[in-house]
Amino acid sequence: GYNLIAAANEMTSSRDLDVSGQLRTAFDRAYANSPIQLELVTQSAGITKVEFYSGTNLVFTDTEAPYTFTTAPLSLGVKTFYTRLYVGNAYQLSNQIAVTVGEQLPYQGIAQSIPGTIEAGNFDEFEGGNGQQIAYFDSSKGNIGDYRTEEEVDVVMDTNEGPTVGWIDSGEWLEYSISVVESGYYTLSFRYASGSNLGGGPFRILVDDRVVASNVLVSQTSNTDWNTYATKSVTDIPFTSG
């Protein structure tokens, strides 16, 4: 006969109190084997202790403000933290934060040379494991292809086209680390296939988080399958050497 209502993106317990706090850190990314400092910011009175959790593990207890905790050196991966704010034996939960430990790296450690060819399936990787939301975003769970199956991106090795990315949904993205030999304006010619009578897109191209091409559309290549490829070119993309 008991209902607990949890708001979207918030942690809730059946022991909620009229206290609150915001857990924060100056770094949402960290190098492997480096510690970070966490701080719980609260204006609530009557707090008797604050517990810091890493995942489901209690890692530190603080009984006096300011409520801070410096972690042990962090291993590779995505680490989550939250706190419990106690008044006596009852407690309230803070927000949860995630810290990415490790670096985004070029696939197999080699940046793609420009001018050159970038294989679509050779997007960047995360040294801490799965690169979802770090080197790419794929909206479906699991790789339904046969290439880089440990990642979420749907990649198929095509005999003629190489590792191709398919089953693309709106909002998905991929990142590639590149090494540009000479500054200038470049033309990107990419291979694509579409069995939809509406074609595909719009796509955007970003360089160093800046949009350099938008509203890129492609037409249908076949009304019977998704394996008929064509080439689309986007001109005047600015690259700086390095």
C-alpha atoms as a PDB file:
ATOM      1  CA  GLY A   1       0.000   0.000   0.000  1.00  0.00           C
ATOM      2  CA  TYR A   2       3.001   2.321  -0.238  1.00  0.00           C
ATOM      3  CA  ASN A   3       3.888   4.407  -3.310  1.00  0.00           C
ATOM      4  CA  LEU A   4       7.263   6.089  -3.845  1.00  0.00           C
ATOM      5  CA  ILE A   5       7.327   8.704  -6.612  1.00  0.00           C
ATOM      6  CA  ALA A   6      10.770   9.345  -8.146  1.00  0.00           C
ATOM      7  CA  ALA A   7      11.213  12.376 -10.385  1.00  0.00           C
ATOM      8  CA  ALA A   8      13.092  11.958 -13.669  1.00  0.00           C
ATOM      9  CA  ASN A   9      16.895  12.012 -13.274  1.00  0.00           C
ATOM     10  CA  GLU A  10      16.695  12.296  -9.489  1.00  0.00           C
ATOM     11  CA  MET A  11      17.497   9.809  -6.727  1.00  0.00           C
ATOM     12  CA  THR A  12      14.792   9.241  -4.136  1.00  0.00           C
ATOM     13  CA  SER A  13      14.332   7.159  -1.008  1.00  0.00           C
ATOM     14  CA  SER A  14      11.468   6.347   1.360  1.00  0.00           C
ATOM     15  CA  ARG A  15      13.331   8.171   4.111  1.00  0.00           C
ATOM     16  CA  ASP A  16      13.401  11.569   2.449  1.00  0.00           C
ATOM     17  CA  LEU A  17      13.857  14.580   4.727  1.00  0.00           C
ATOM     18  CA  ASP A  18      13.536  18.298   4.249  1.00  0.00           C
ATOM     19  CA  VAL A  19      17.253  18.608   3.603  1.00  0.00           C
ATOM     20  CA  SER A  20      19.057  18.815   0.297  1.00  0.00           C
ATOM     21  CA  GLY A  21      22.516  19.074  -1.159  1.00  0.00           C
ATOM     22  CA  GLN A  22      24.288  19.296  -4.500  1.00  0.00           C
ATOM     23  CA  LEU A  23      27.271  17.029  -5.047  1.00  0.00           C
ATOM     24  CA  ARG A  24      29.836  18.494  -7.427  1.00  0.00           C
ATOM     25  CA  THR A  25      33.417  18.224  -8.615  1.00  0.00           C
ATOM     26  CA  ALA A  26      35.625  20.465 -10.683  1.00  0.00           C
ATOM     27  CA  PHE A  27      36.393  17.565 -13.025  1.00  0.00           C
ATOM     28  CA  ASP A  28      33.955  15.345 -14.890  1.00  0.00           C
ATOM     29  CA  ARG A  29      36.962  13.706 -16.562  1.00  0.00           C
ATOM     30  CA  ALA A  30      40.175  12.479 -14.985  1.00  0.00           C
ATOM     31  CA  TYR A  31      43.366  10.704 -15.914  1.00  0.00           C
ATOM     32  CA  ALA A  32      43.801   7.112 -14.806  1.00  0.00           C
ATOM     33  CA  ASN A  33      45.336   6.699 -11.334  1.00  0.00           C
ATOM     34  CA  SER A  34      44.495  10.288 -10.376  1.00  0.00           C
ATOM     35  CA  PRO A  35      42.263  11.293  -7.424  1.00  0.00           C
ATOM     36  CA  ILE A  36      39.506  13.913  -7.593  1.00  0.00           C
ATOM     37  CA  GLN A  37      37.853  16.002  -4.910  1.00  0.00           C
ATOM     38  CA  LEU A  38      34.114  15.850  -4.283  1.00  0.00           C
ATOM     39  CA  GLU A  39      32.159  18.541  -2.449  1.00  0.00           C
ATOM     40  CA  LEU A  40      28.613  18.471  -1.135  1.00  0.00           C
ATOM     41  CA  VAL A  41      27.121  21.968  -1.143  1.00  0.00           C
ATOM     42  CA  THR A  42      24.150  22.373   1.208  1.00  0.00           C
ATOM     43  CA  GLN A  43      22.317  25.143   3.011  1.00  0.00           C
ATOM     44  CA  SER A  44      20.312  22.726   5.152  1.00  0.00           C
ATOM     45  CA  ALA A  45      20.611  22.821   8.938  1.00  0.00           C
ATOM     46  CA  GLY A  46      20.559  19.854  11.291  1.00  0.00           C
ATOM     47  CA  ILE A  47      22.677  17.488   9.213  1.00  0.00           C
ATOM     48  CA  THR A  48      24.457  15.074  11.523  1.00  0.00           C
ATOM     49  CA  LYS A  49      26.641  13.315   8.956  1.00  0.00           C
ATOM     50  CA  VAL A  50      27.221  12.895   5.235  1.00  0.00           C
ATOM     51  CA  GLU A  51      28.169   9.604   3.608  1.00  0.00           C
ATOM     52  CA  PHE A  52      29.965   9.531   0.257  1.00  0.00           C
ATOM     53  CA  TYR A  53      29.281   6.570  -2.029  1.00  0.00           C
ATOM     54  CA  SER A  54      31.156   5.311  -5.061  1.00  0.00           C
ATOM     55  CA  GLY A  55      28.686   3.185  -6.959  1.00  0.00           C
ATOM     56  CA  THR A  56      27.047   1.208  -4.146  1.00  0.00           C
ATOM     57  CA  ASN A  57      30.095   1.321  -1.850  1.00  0.00           C
ATOM     58  CA  LEU A  58      30.402   3.629   1.157  1.00  0.00           C
ATOM     59  CA  VAL A  59      33.831   5.267   0.827  1.00  0.00           C
ATOM     60  CA  PHE A  60      33.838   8.145   3.336  1.00  0.00           C
ATOM     61  CA  THR A  61      31.837   9.684   6.192  1.00  0.00           C
ATOM     62  CA  ASP A  62      32.054  13.364   7.135  1.00  0.00           C
ATOM     63  CA  THR A  63      30.404  14.852  10.225  1.00  0.00           C
ATOM     64  CA  GLU A  64      31.364  18.505   9.831  1.00  0.00           C
ATOM     65  CA  ALA A  65      30.862  21.080   7.084  1.00  0.00           C
ATOM     66  CA  PRO A  66      32.330  21.728   4.582  1.00  0.00           C
ATOM     67  CA  TYR A  67      31.566  18.209   3.390  1.00  0.00           C
ATOM     68  CA  THR A  68      34.435  17.221   1.109  1.00  0.00           C
ATOM     69  CA  PHE A  69      36.138  14.005   0.104  1.00  0.00           C
ATOM     70  CA  THR A  70      39.235  13.278  -1.976  1.00  0.00           C
ATOM     71  CA  THR A  71      38.997   9.902  -3.665  1.00  0.00           C
ATOM     72  CA  ALA A  72      41.704   7.314  -3.926  1.00  0.00           C
ATOM     73  CA  PRO A  73      43.455   7.164  -7.327  1.00  0.00           C
ATOM     74  CA  LEU A  74      40.758   6.163  -9.809  1.00  0.00           C
ATOM     75  CA  SER A  75      41.014   3.244 -12.197  1.00  0.00           C
ATOM     76  CA  LEU A  76      39.892   3.401 -15.817  1.00  0.00           C
ATOM     77  CA  GLY A  77      36.163   3.545 -16.506  1.00  0.00           C
ATOM     78  CA  VAL A  78      33.119   5.671 -15.694  1.00  0.00           C
ATOM     79  CA  LYS A  79      32.734   6.170 -11.936  1.00  0.00           C
ATOM     80  CA  THR A  80      29.520   7.312 -10.247  1.00  0.00           C
ATOM     81  CA  PHE A  81      29.240   9.097  -6.903  1.00  0.00           C
ATOM     82  CA  TYR A  82      26.437  10.324  -4.649  1.00  0.00           C
ATOM     83  CA  THR A  83      25.932  11.178  -0.970  1.00  0.00           C
ATOM     84  CA  ARG A  84      23.480  10.515   1.819  1.00  0.00           C
ATOM     85  CA  LEU A  85      22.617  13.457   4.076  1.00  0.00           C
ATOM     86  CA  TYR A  86      21.633  12.208   7.541  1.00  0.00           C
ATOM     87  CA  VAL A  87      19.546  13.755  10.283  1.00  0.00           C
ATOM     88  CA  GLY A  88      19.789  11.177  13.031  1.00  0.00           C
ATOM     89  CA  ASN A  89      19.011   7.807  11.423  1.00  0.00           C
ATOM     90  CA  ALA A  90      16.978   9.226   8.523  1.00  0.00           C
ATOM     91  CA  TYR A  91      18.581  10.430   5.344  1.00  0.00           C
ATOM     92  CA  GLN A  92      18.085  12.211   2.028  1.00  0.00           C
ATOM     93  CA  LEU A  93      19.993  11.510  -1.189  1.00  0.00           C
ATOM     94  CA  SER A  94      21.946  14.018  -3.214  1.00  0.00           C
ATOM     95  CA  ASN A  95      22.265  14.053  -6.990  1.00  0.00           C
ATOM     96  CA  GLN A  96      24.519  11.483  -8.654  1.00  0.00           C
ATOM     97  CA  ILE A  97      27.536  12.542 -10.722  1.00  0.00           C
ATOM     98  CA  ALA A  98      29.612  10.541 -13.190  1.00  0.00           C
ATOM     99  CA  VAL A  99      33.346  10.947 -13.764  1.00  0.00           C
ATOM    100  CA  THR A 100      34.990   9.545 -16.877  1.00  0.00           C
ATOM    101  CA  VAL A 101      38.432   8.178 -16.016  1.00  0.00           C
ATOM    102  CA  GLY A 102      40.684   7.738 -19.018  1.00  0.00           C
ATOM    103  CA  GLU A 103      41.214   9.339 -22.393  1.00  0.00           C
ATOM    104  CA  GLN A 104      39.482   9.274 -25.727  1.00  0.00           C
ATOM    105  CA  LEU A 105      42.011   7.952 -28.214  1.00  0.00           C
ATOM    106  CA  PRO A 106      42.235   7.428 -31.973  1.00  0.00           C
ATOM    107  CA  TYR A 107      41.230   3.923 -33.021  1.00  0.00           C
ATOM    108  CA  GLN A 108      44.227   1.627 -32.450  1.00  0.00           C
ATOM    109  CA  GLY A 109      46.223   4.690 -31.346  1.00  0.00           C
ATOM    110  CA  ILE A 110      46.720   6.158 -34.822  1.00  0.00           C
ATOM    111  CA  ALA A 111      45.096   9.459 -35.805  1.00  0.00           C
ATOM    112  CA  GLN A 112      43.649   9.466 -39.312  1.00  0.00           C
ATOM    113  CA  SER A 113      45.953  11.356 -41.698  1.00  0.00           C
ATOM    114  CA  ILE A 114      44.378  14.162 -43.765  1.00  0.00           C
ATOM    115  CA  PRO A 115      44.466  14.154 -46.775  1.00  0.00           C
ATOM    116  CA  GLY A 116      43.472  10.510 -46.617  1.00  0.00           C
ATOM    117  CA  THR A 117      40.683   8.001 -46.148  1.00  0.00           C
ATOM    118  CA  ILE A 118      38.714   7.564 -42.924  1.00  0.00           C
ATOM    119  CA  GLU A 119      36.943   4.228 -42.511  1.00  0.00           C
ATOM    120  CA  ALA A 120      33.532   4.951 -40.975  1.00  0.00           C
ATOM    121  CA  GLY A 121      33.802   2.068 -38.512  1.00  0.00           C
ATOM    122  CA  ASN A 122      37.175   3.235 -37.180  1.00  0.00           C
ATOM    123  CA  PHE A 123      35.768   5.934 -34.874  1.00  0.00           C
ATOM    124  CA  ASP A 124      37.683   6.862 -31.712  1.00  0.00           C
ATOM    125  CA  GLU A 125      37.855   4.569 -28.693  1.00  0.00           C
ATOM    126  CA  PHE A 126      37.893   5.049 -24.927  1.00  0.00           C
ATOM    127  CA  GLU A 127      40.833   3.547 -23.074  1.00  0.00           C
ATOM    128  CA  GLY A 128      38.545   2.708 -20.163  1.00  0.00           C
ATOM    129  CA  GLY A 129      36.296   0.404 -22.220  1.00  0.00           C
ATOM    130  CA  ASN A 130      33.016   1.081 -23.989  1.00  0.00           C
ATOM    131  CA  GLY A 131      33.065   4.515 -25.655  1.00  0.00           C
ATOM    132  CA  GLN A 132      29.328   5.293 -25.478  1.00  0.00           C
ATOM    133  CA  GLN A 133      28.736   9.037 -24.805  1.00  0.00           C
ATOM    134  CA  ILE A 134      32.505   9.601 -24.935  1.00  0.00           C
ATOM    135  CA  ALA A 135      33.700   8.855 -28.486  1.00  0.00           C
ATOM    136  CA  TYR A 136      30.226   8.324 -29.921  1.00  0.00           C
ATOM    137  CA  PHE A 137      26.534   8.090 -29.160  1.00  0.00           C
ATOM    138  CA  ASP A 138      24.382   5.219 -30.438  1.00  0.00           C
ATOM    139  CA  SER A 139      20.741   5.139 -29.378  1.00  0.00           C
ATOM    140  CA  SER A 140      20.259   1.352 -29.576  1.00  0.00           C
ATOM    141  CA  LYS A 141      21.718  -1.173 -27.160  1.00  0.00           C
ATOM    142  CA  GLY A 142      24.416  -3.429 -28.569  1.00  0.00           C
ATOM    143  CA  ASN A 143      26.154  -3.689 -31.934  1.00  0.00           C
ATOM    144  CA  ILE A 144      23.971  -5.639 -34.352  1.00  0.00           C
ATOM    145  CA  GLY A 145      26.830  -5.720 -36.863  1.00  0.00           C
ATOM    146  CA  ASP A 146      29.990  -7.828 -36.948  1.00  0.00           C
ATOM    147  CA  TYR A 147      32.823  -5.296 -36.484  1.00  0.00           C
ATOM    148  CA  ARG A 148      34.017  -3.893 -33.127  1.00  0.00           C
ATOM    149  CA  THR A 149      31.248  -5.831 -31.423  1.00  0.00           C
ATOM    150  CA  GLU A 150      32.295  -4.622 -27.954  1.00  0.00           C
ATOM    151  CA  GLU A 151      30.988  -1.149 -28.875  1.00  0.00           C
ATOM    152  CA  GLU A 152      27.373   0.028 -29.260  1.00  0.00           C
ATOM    153  CA  VAL A 153      27.775   1.412 -32.794  1.00  0.00           C
ATOM    154  CA  ASP A 154      26.212  -0.820 -35.468  1.00  0.00           C
ATOM    155  CA  VAL A 155      29.118  -1.593 -37.821  1.00  0.00           C
ATOM    156  CA  VAL A 156      29.261  -4.163 -40.620  1.00  0.00           C
ATOM    157  CA  MET A 157      32.373  -5.145 -42.550  1.00  0.00           C
ATOM    158  CA  ASP A 158      31.486  -4.773 -46.225  1.00  0.00           C
ATOM    159  CA  THR A 159      33.719  -6.522 -48.750  1.00  0.00           C
ATOM    160  CA  ASN A 160      33.841  -3.512 -51.053  1.00  0.00           C
ATOM    161  CA  GLU A 161      33.242  -0.574 -48.696  1.00  0.00           C
ATOM    162  CA  GLY A 162      35.128  -1.654 -45.564  1.00  0.00           C
ATOM    163  CA  PRO A 163      33.706  -1.170 -42.031  1.00  0.00           C
ATOM    164  CA  THR A 164      30.428   0.667 -42.603  1.00  0.00           C
ATOM    165  CA  VAL A 165      28.131   2.237 -40.008  1.00  0.00           C
ATOM    166  CA  GLY A 166      24.438   1.417 -40.428  1.00  0.00           C
ATOM    167  CA  TRP A 167      21.047   1.487 -38.701  1.00  0.00           C
ATOM    168  CA  ILE A 168      21.597   5.211 -38.097  1.00  0.00           C
ATOM    169  CA  ASP A 169      18.996   7.029 -35.987  1.00  0.00           C
ATOM    170  CA  SER A 170      18.457  10.729 -35.423  1.00  0.00           C
ATOM    171  CA  GLY A 171      20.809  12.222 -32.826  1.00  0.00           C
ATOM    172  CA  GLU A 172      23.588   9.642 -33.152  1.00  0.00           C
ATOM    173  CA  TRP A 173      27.161  10.852 -33.635  1.00  0.00           C
ATOM    174  CA  LEU A 174      30.728   9.618 -34.096  1.00  0.00           C
ATOM    175  CA  GLU A 175      34.100  11.264 -33.453  1.00  0.00           C
ATOM    176  CA  TYR A 176      37.375  10.712 -35.309  1.00  0.00           C
ATOM    177  CA  SER A 177      40.808  12.005 -34.312  1.00  0.00           C
ATOM    178  CA  ILE A 178      42.666  13.312 -37.325  1.00  0.00           C
ATOM    179  CA  SER A 179      46.137  14.640 -38.169  1.00  0.00           C
ATOM    180  CA  VAL A 180      46.053  17.369 -40.814  1.00  0.00           C
ATOM    181  CA  VAL A 181      49.223  17.779 -42.877  1.00  0.00           C
ATOM    182  CA  GLU A 182      48.478  21.255 -44.233  1.00  0.00           C
ATOM    183  CA  SER A 183      45.918  23.910 -43.341  1.00  0.00           C
ATOM    184  CA  GLY A 184      43.309  24.660 -45.975  1.00  0.00           C
ATOM    185  CA  TYR A 185      39.814  24.017 -47.263  1.00  0.00           C
ATOM    186  CA  TYR A 186      39.111  20.372 -47.978  1.00  0.00           C
ATOM    187  CA  THR A 187      36.431  18.351 -49.733  1.00  0.00           C
ATOM    188  CA  LEU A 188      34.901  15.439 -47.849  1.00  0.00           C
ATOM    189  CA  SER A 189      33.558  12.741 -50.169  1.00  0.00           C
ATOM    190  CA  PHE A 190      31.710  10.005 -48.318  1.00  0.00           C
ATOM    191  CA  ARG A 191      30.133   6.757 -49.410  1.00  0.00           C
ATOM    192  CA  TYR A 192      26.553   6.053 -48.380  1.00  0.00           C
ATOM    193  CA  ALA A 193      23.582   3.796 -49.077  1.00  0.00           C
ATOM    194  CA  SER A 194      19.886   4.456 -48.516  1.00  0.00           C
ATOM    195  CA  GLY A 195      16.896   2.259 -49.246  1.00  0.00           C
ATOM    196  CA  SER A 196      14.482   4.956 -48.084  1.00  0.00           C
ATOM    197  CA  ASN A 197      12.549   6.942 -50.652  1.00  0.00           C
ATOM    198  CA  LEU A 198      13.209   9.978 -48.447  1.00  0.00           C
ATOM    199  CA  GLY A 199      16.956   9.482 -48.539  1.00  0.00           C
ATOM    200  CA  GLY A 200      18.809  10.426 -45.348  1.00  0.00           C
ATOM    201  CA  GLY A 201      19.916  13.316 -43.173  1.00  0.00           C
ATOM    202  CA  PRO A 202      20.299  16.069 -42.388  1.00  0.00           C
ATOM    203  CA  PHE A 203      23.860  15.411 -41.190  1.00  0.00           C
ATOM    204  CA  ARG A 204      26.299  17.834 -39.584  1.00  0.00           C
ATOM    205  CA  ILE A 205      30.087  17.902 -39.671  1.00  0.00           C
ATOM    206  CA  LEU A 206      32.013  19.419 -36.774  1.00  0.00           C
ATOM    207  CA  VAL A 207      35.713  20.181 -36.399  1.00  0.00           C
ATOM    208  CA  ASP A 208      36.928  20.787 -32.833  1.00  0.00           C
ATOM    209  CA  ASP A 209      33.276  21.086 -31.704  1.00  0.00           C
ATOM    210  CA  ARG A 210      32.532  23.800 -34.299  1.00  0.00           C
ATOM    211  CA  VAL A 211      29.937  23.165 -37.014  1.00  0.00           C
ATOM    212  CA  VAL A 212      31.597  23.511 -40.430  1.00  0.00           C
ATOM    213  CA  ALA A 213      28.832  21.939 -42.544  1.00  0.00           C
ATOM    214  CA  SER A 214      25.144  21.414 -41.827  1.00  0.00           C
ATOM    215  CA  ASN A 215      21.966  20.300 -43.535  1.00  0.00           C
ATOM    216  CA  VAL A 216      23.853  17.653 -45.507  1.00  0.00           C
ATOM    217  CA  LEU A 217      21.236  15.483 -47.244  1.00  0.00           C
ATOM    218  CA  VAL A 218      21.547  12.285 -49.296  1.00  0.00           C
ATOM    219  CA  SER A 219      19.134  10.749 -51.772  1.00  0.00           C
ATOM    220  CA  GLN A 220      17.845   7.205 -52.145  1.00  0.00           C
ATOM    221  CA  THR A 221      20.329   4.851 -53.806  1.00  0.00           C
ATOM    222  CA  SER A 222      18.001   1.865 -54.278  1.00  0.00           C
ATOM    223  CA  ASN A 223      14.351   1.071 -53.707  1.00  0.00           C
ATOM    224  CA  THR A 224      15.074  -2.617 -53.141  1.00  0.00           C
ATOM    225  CA  ASP A 225      18.016  -2.797 -50.711  1.00  0.00           C
ATOM    226  CA  TRP A 226      20.455  -0.863 -48.534  1.00  0.00           C
ATOM    227  CA  ASN A 227      23.613  -2.163 -50.214  1.00  0.00           C
ATOM    228  CA  THR A 228      23.767   0.092 -53.270  1.00  0.00           C
ATOM    229  CA  TYR A 229      26.339   2.796 -52.577  1.00  0.00           C
ATOM    230  CA  ALA A 230      26.843   6.286 -53.995  1.00  0.00           C
ATOM    231  CA  THR A 231      29.219   9.167 -53.220  1.00  0.00           C
ATOM    232  CA  LYS A 232      28.300  12.543 -51.719  1.00  0.00           C
ATOM    233  CA  SER A 233      30.779  15.442 -51.544  1.00  0.00           C
ATOM    234  CA  VAL A 234      30.838  18.366 -49.119  1.00  0.00           C
ATOM    235  CA  THR A 235      33.208  21.164 -50.087  1.00  0.00           C
ATOM    236  CA  ASP A 236      35.100  23.954 -48.298  1.00  0.00           C
ATOM    237  CA  ILE A 237      35.643  22.241 -44.941  1.00  0.00           C
ATOM    238  CA  PRO A 238      38.304  24.245 -43.040  1.00  0.00           C
ATOM    239  CA  PHE A 239      41.099  22.264 -41.412  1.00  0.00           C
ATOM    240  CA  THR A 240      44.035  23.634 -39.442  1.00  0.00           C
ATOM    241  CA  SER A 241      47.278  21.678 -39.543  1.00  0.00           C
ATOM    242  CA  GLY A 242      47.965  19.465 -36.554  1.00  0.00           C
END
